[in-house]
Amino acid sequence: REGTRPAARTHGHPGGWYREQFLTLLHEWAGRGVDVPDPYDPQLLARAPRELRHLLAEAVAEEDTARALATLGIGFTV
């Protein structure tokens, strides 16, 4: 049965630091006081500097890696 196998024990928030940095730098790039309704809007990201896009890519990669590692089973701690 799928979903009955205990997952690996995890600690922390995967991608959290990268997302915090991304959002901080995105608001600085957009300008102080500028409302950014969707910081993950593809059109906005297309205009953003490469460093910002790289931070978001790092967050997504870390989240995906943690998701994959969590499937290893109860014998693992991530």
Protein backbone atom coordinates (compact mmCIF):
# COMPACT_ATOMS: atom_id res chain seq x y z
CA ARG A 1 0.00 0.00 0.00
CA GLU A 2 1.30 3.39 -0.96
CA GLY A 3 1.67 6.00 1.75
CA THR A 4 1.89 3.57 4.69
CA ARG A 5 5.68 3.36 4.81
CA PRO A 6 7.16 5.67 7.49
CA ALA A 7 9.18 8.51 6.00
CA ALA A 8 12.70 9.53 6.94
CA ARG A 9 13.01 11.84 9.92
CA THR A 10 13.65 15.40 8.75
CA HIS A 11 14.86 18.54 10.47
CA GLY A 12 14.77 22.16 9.33
CA HIS A 13 13.01 23.87 6.46
CA PRO A 14 14.47 22.91 3.07
CA GLY A 15 14.96 25.92 0.82
CA GLY A 16 13.88 28.33 3.55
CA TRP A 17 17.10 30.33 3.75
CA TYR A 18 17.28 30.68 -0.03
CA ARG A 19 13.65 31.83 -0.25
CA GLU A 20 14.22 34.41 2.50
CA GLN A 21 17.25 35.77 0.68
CA PHE A 22 15.38 35.74 -2.63
CA LEU A 23 12.42 37.70 -1.23
CA THR A 24 14.65 40.22 0.56
CA LEU A 25 16.75 40.91 -2.53
CA LEU A 26 13.72 40.90 -4.83
CA HIS A 27 12.08 43.67 -2.80
CA GLU A 28 15.34 45.64 -2.85
CA TRP A 29 15.60 45.21 -6.61
CA ALA A 30 11.94 46.20 -7.18
CA GLY A 31 12.37 49.25 -4.97
CA ARG A 32 11.41 50.07 -1.43
CA GLY A 33 7.69 50.61 -1.02
CA VAL A 34 6.84 48.95 -4.34
CA ASP A 35 4.07 46.39 -3.97
CA VAL A 36 5.05 43.01 -5.43
CA PRO A 37 1.79 41.03 -5.43
CA ASP A 38 3.35 37.79 -6.72
CA PRO A 39 7.12 37.48 -6.24
CA TYR A 40 7.05 34.22 -8.22
CA ASP A 41 5.35 35.69 -11.30
CA PRO A 42 7.17 34.33 -14.40
CA GLN A 43 7.13 37.73 -16.12
CA LEU A 44 8.69 39.39 -13.08
CA LEU A 45 11.30 36.65 -12.79
CA ALA A 46 12.20 37.02 -16.47
CA ARG A 47 13.24 40.63 -15.76
CA ALA A 48 14.97 39.89 -12.45
CA PRO A 49 18.76 39.73 -12.23
CA ARG A 50 20.40 36.35 -12.65
CA GLU A 51 21.46 36.27 -8.99
CA LEU A 52 17.82 36.42 -7.88
CA ARG A 53 16.77 33.66 -10.26
CA HIS A 54 19.69 31.59 -9.02
CA LEU A 55 18.57 31.94 -5.37
CA LEU A 56 15.08 30.77 -6.28
CA ALA A 57 16.50 27.84 -8.26
CA GLU A 58 18.61 26.86 -5.23
CA ALA A 59 15.51 26.91 -3.01
CA VAL A 60 13.54 24.73 -5.41
CA ALA A 61 16.45 22.29 -5.79
CA GLU A 62 16.84 21.97 -2.03
CA GLU A 63 13.10 21.42 -1.58
CA ASP A 64 13.02 18.79 -4.32
CA THR A 65 16.05 17.03 -2.85
CA ALA A 66 14.50 16.96 0.62
CA ARG A 67 11.26 15.59 -0.83
CA ALA A 68 13.15 12.79 -2.59
CA LEU A 69 15.28 11.97 0.47
CA ALA A 70 12.18 11.78 2.67
CA THR A 71 11.06 8.74 0.67
CA LEU A 72 14.10 6.72 1.79
CA GLY A 73 12.28 5.40 4.83
CA ILE A 74 12.41 5.44 8.58
CA GLY A 75 16.03 4.29 8.73
CA PHE A 76 17.28 7.68 7.54
CA THR A 77 17.55 11.14 9.09
CA VAL A 78 17.78 14.12 6.77
